[in-house]
Amino acid sequence: MEKRGRLNRQLGENLRAIRLARGYTQEAWAIHLGYDRTYVASVERGERNLTLDTLTALAEQIEVDPLELLESRGTTEAAEPPAVRRPSRRRADTPEPSPRPQRA
């Protein structure tokens, strides 16, 4: 694969990791940044070729160094995205379910 494609994909992976680490859905992240959700999705998939101005502006918005968005973090194409624990949707007045019995 050509270098530009790898950089676009790396940028997308890093943006997605930052978004998930901060607990945003793609839609909420797009609203927060002032972009359309479909644009954010295509950047995360590595389908967009951002200009340096756009990359710099985006990095400033999320308060990271622009180079950090392009750095490899040791991920591979088959790597799973980082898991993020989502807040429980259980109402506060609903009791927690009892734990399952352990099998020996």
C-alpha atoms as a PDB file:
ATOM      1  CA  MET A   1       0.000   0.000   0.000  1.00  0.00           C
ATOM      2  CA  GLU A   2       1.225   3.458  -0.713  1.00  0.00           C
ATOM      3  CA  LYS A   3       2.510   5.675   2.088  1.00  0.00           C
ATOM      4  CA  ARG A   4      -0.288   8.273   1.800  1.00  0.00           C
ATOM      5  CA  GLY A   5      -2.934   5.582   2.276  1.00  0.00           C
ATOM      6  CA  ARG A   6      -1.162   4.302   5.392  1.00  0.00           C
ATOM      7  CA  LEU A   7      -0.959   7.811   6.836  1.00  0.00           C
ATOM      8  CA  ASN A   8      -4.645   8.443   6.179  1.00  0.00           C
ATOM      9  CA  ARG A   9      -5.548   5.170   7.867  1.00  0.00           C
ATOM     10  CA  GLN A  10      -3.188   5.865  10.797  1.00  0.00           C
ATOM     11  CA  LEU A  11      -4.719   9.314  11.245  1.00  0.00           C
ATOM     12  CA  GLY A  12      -8.170   7.749  11.269  1.00  0.00           C
ATOM     13  CA  GLU A  13      -7.187   5.073  13.785  1.00  0.00           C
ATOM     14  CA  ASN A  14      -5.650   7.669  16.103  1.00  0.00           C
ATOM     15  CA  LEU A  15      -8.658   9.989  15.879  1.00  0.00           C
ATOM     16  CA  ARG A  16     -10.990   7.098  16.610  1.00  0.00           C
ATOM     17  CA  ALA A  17      -8.897   6.024  19.606  1.00  0.00           C
ATOM     18  CA  ILE A  18      -8.947   9.582  20.988  1.00  0.00           C
ATOM     19  CA  ARG A  19     -12.710   9.872  20.410  1.00  0.00           C
ATOM     20  CA  LEU A  20     -13.416   6.574  22.163  1.00  0.00           C
ATOM     21  CA  ALA A  21     -11.040   7.364  25.030  1.00  0.00           C
ATOM     22  CA  ARG A  22     -12.954  10.578  25.614  1.00  0.00           C
ATOM     23  CA  GLY A  23     -16.278   8.753  25.561  1.00  0.00           C
ATOM     24  CA  TYR A  24     -17.799  10.339  22.463  1.00  0.00           C
ATOM     25  CA  THR A  25     -20.057   8.702  19.929  1.00  0.00           C
ATOM     26  CA  GLN A  26     -19.180   9.506  16.346  1.00  0.00           C
ATOM     27  CA  GLU A  27     -22.195  11.799  16.094  1.00  0.00           C
ATOM     28  CA  ALA A  28     -21.470  13.663  19.329  1.00  0.00           C
ATOM     29  CA  TRP A  29     -17.786  13.992  18.342  1.00  0.00           C
ATOM     30  CA  ALA A  30     -18.756  15.441  14.958  1.00  0.00           C
ATOM     31  CA  ILE A  31     -21.064  17.975  16.592  1.00  0.00           C
ATOM     32  CA  HIS A  32     -18.366  18.856  19.146  1.00  0.00           C
ATOM     33  CA  LEU A  33     -15.853  19.472  16.342  1.00  0.00           C
ATOM     34  CA  GLY A  34     -18.279  21.195  13.987  1.00  0.00           C
ATOM     35  CA  TYR A  35     -18.152  18.564  11.227  1.00  0.00           C
ATOM     36  CA  ASP A  36     -20.750  16.308   9.671  1.00  0.00           C
ATOM     37  CA  ARG A  37     -20.858  12.768  11.077  1.00  0.00           C
ATOM     38  CA  THR A  38     -20.284  11.234   7.649  1.00  0.00           C
ATOM     39  CA  TYR A  39     -17.124  13.326   7.233  1.00  0.00           C
ATOM     40  CA  VAL A  40     -15.797  12.181  10.617  1.00  0.00           C
ATOM     41  CA  ALA A  41     -16.618   8.569   9.707  1.00  0.00           C
ATOM     42  CA  SER A  42     -14.747   8.816   6.404  1.00  0.00           C
ATOM     43  CA  VAL A  43     -11.707  10.374   8.134  1.00  0.00           C
ATOM     44  CA  GLU A  44     -11.703   7.554  10.711  1.00  0.00           C
ATOM     45  CA  ARG A  45     -11.802   4.986   7.886  1.00  0.00           C
ATOM     46  CA  GLY A  46      -8.810   6.671   6.240  1.00  0.00           C
ATOM     47  CA  GLU A  47     -10.795   7.672   3.165  1.00  0.00           C
ATOM     48  CA  ARG A  48     -10.078  11.396   3.403  1.00  0.00           C
ATOM     49  CA  ASN A  49      -6.854  13.121   2.445  1.00  0.00           C
ATOM     50  CA  LEU A  50      -6.741  16.030   4.911  1.00  0.00           C
ATOM     51  CA  THR A  51      -4.744  19.125   4.065  1.00  0.00           C
ATOM     52  CA  LEU A  52      -2.080  20.255   6.518  1.00  0.00           C
ATOM     53  CA  ASP A  53      -4.298  23.200   7.457  1.00  0.00           C
ATOM     54  CA  THR A  54      -7.219  20.887   8.249  1.00  0.00           C
ATOM     55  CA  LEU A  55      -4.980  18.477  10.172  1.00  0.00           C
ATOM     56  CA  THR A  56      -3.540  21.350  12.229  1.00  0.00           C
ATOM     57  CA  ALA A  57      -6.961  22.861  12.929  1.00  0.00           C
ATOM     58  CA  LEU A  58      -8.352  19.478  13.977  1.00  0.00           C
ATOM     59  CA  ALA A  59      -5.384  18.824  16.259  1.00  0.00           C
ATOM     60  CA  GLU A  60      -5.856  22.230  17.906  1.00  0.00           C
ATOM     61  CA  GLN A  61      -9.563  21.514  18.452  1.00  0.00           C
ATOM     62  CA  ILE A  62      -8.829  18.260  20.264  1.00  0.00           C
ATOM     63  CA  GLU A  63      -5.718  19.687  21.955  1.00  0.00           C
ATOM     64  CA  VAL A  64      -3.087  17.282  20.640  1.00  0.00           C
ATOM     65  CA  ASP A  65       0.078  17.772  18.616  1.00  0.00           C
ATOM     66  CA  PRO A  66      -0.642  17.273  14.890  1.00  0.00           C
ATOM     67  CA  LEU A  67       2.253  14.801  14.661  1.00  0.00           C
ATOM     68  CA  GLU A  68       0.633  12.670  17.351  1.00  0.00           C
ATOM     69  CA  LEU A  69      -2.278  12.074  14.979  1.00  0.00           C
ATOM     70  CA  LEU A  70       0.076  10.612  12.376  1.00  0.00           C
ATOM     71  CA  GLU A  71       2.255   8.485  14.662  1.00  0.00           C
ATOM     72  CA  SER A  72       1.938   4.729  14.612  1.00  0.00           C
ATOM     73  CA  ARG A  73       0.885   3.307  17.946  1.00  0.00           C
ATOM     74  CA  GLY A  74       1.854  -0.247  17.110  1.00  0.00           C
ATOM     75  CA  THR A  75      -1.567  -1.173  15.735  1.00  0.00           C
ATOM     76  CA  THR A  76      -2.069  -3.612  12.912  1.00  0.00           C
ATOM     77  CA  GLU A  77      -4.802  -3.827  10.325  1.00  0.00           C
ATOM     78  CA  ALA A  78      -6.406  -6.698  12.222  1.00  0.00           C
ATOM     79  CA  ALA A  79      -6.192  -4.997  15.606  1.00  0.00           C
ATOM     80  CA  GLU A  80      -9.419  -4.340  17.434  1.00  0.00           C
ATOM     81  CA  PRO A  81     -10.199  -0.769  18.498  1.00  0.00           C
ATOM     82  CA  PRO A  82      -9.712  -0.047  22.187  1.00  0.00           C
ATOM     83  CA  ALA A  83     -12.649  -1.148  24.283  1.00  0.00           C
ATOM     84  CA  VAL A  84     -14.590   1.601  25.971  1.00  0.00           C
ATOM     85  CA  ARG A  85     -16.973   0.942  28.812  1.00  0.00           C
ATOM     86  CA  ARG A  86     -20.225   2.643  28.049  1.00  0.00           C
ATOM     87  CA  PRO A  87     -22.287   4.157  30.847  1.00  0.00           C
ATOM     88  CA  SER A  88     -25.027   1.902  32.117  1.00  0.00           C
ATOM     89  CA  ARG A  89     -28.503   2.627  30.793  1.00  0.00           C
ATOM     90  CA  ARG A  90     -30.035   1.106  33.898  1.00  0.00           C
ATOM     91  CA  ARG A  91     -32.221   3.482  35.850  1.00  0.00           C
ATOM     92  CA  ALA A  92     -30.915   4.409  39.273  1.00  0.00           C
ATOM     93  CA  ASP A  93     -33.968   2.895  41.024  1.00  0.00           C
ATOM     94  CA  THR A  94     -33.601  -0.472  39.226  1.00  0.00           C
ATOM     95  CA  PRO A  95     -31.758  -3.082  41.287  1.00  0.00           C
ATOM     96  CA  GLU A  96     -28.632  -4.671  39.854  1.00  0.00           C
ATOM     97  CA  PRO A  97     -29.107  -8.266  38.658  1.00  0.00           C
ATOM     98  CA  SER A  98     -27.757 -10.932  40.930  1.00  0.00           C
ATOM     99  CA  PRO A  99     -24.474 -12.503  39.783  1.00  0.00           C
ATOM    100  CA  ARG A 100     -24.573 -15.839  37.967  1.00  0.00           C
ATOM    101  CA  PRO A 101     -23.439 -18.866  39.944  1.00  0.00           C
ATOM    102  CA  GLN A 102     -19.904 -19.992  39.120  1.00  0.00           C
ATOM    103  CA  ARG A 103     -19.521 -23.358  37.412  1.00  0.00           C
ATOM    104  CA  ALA A 104     -16.819 -25.681  38.655  1.00  0.00           C
END
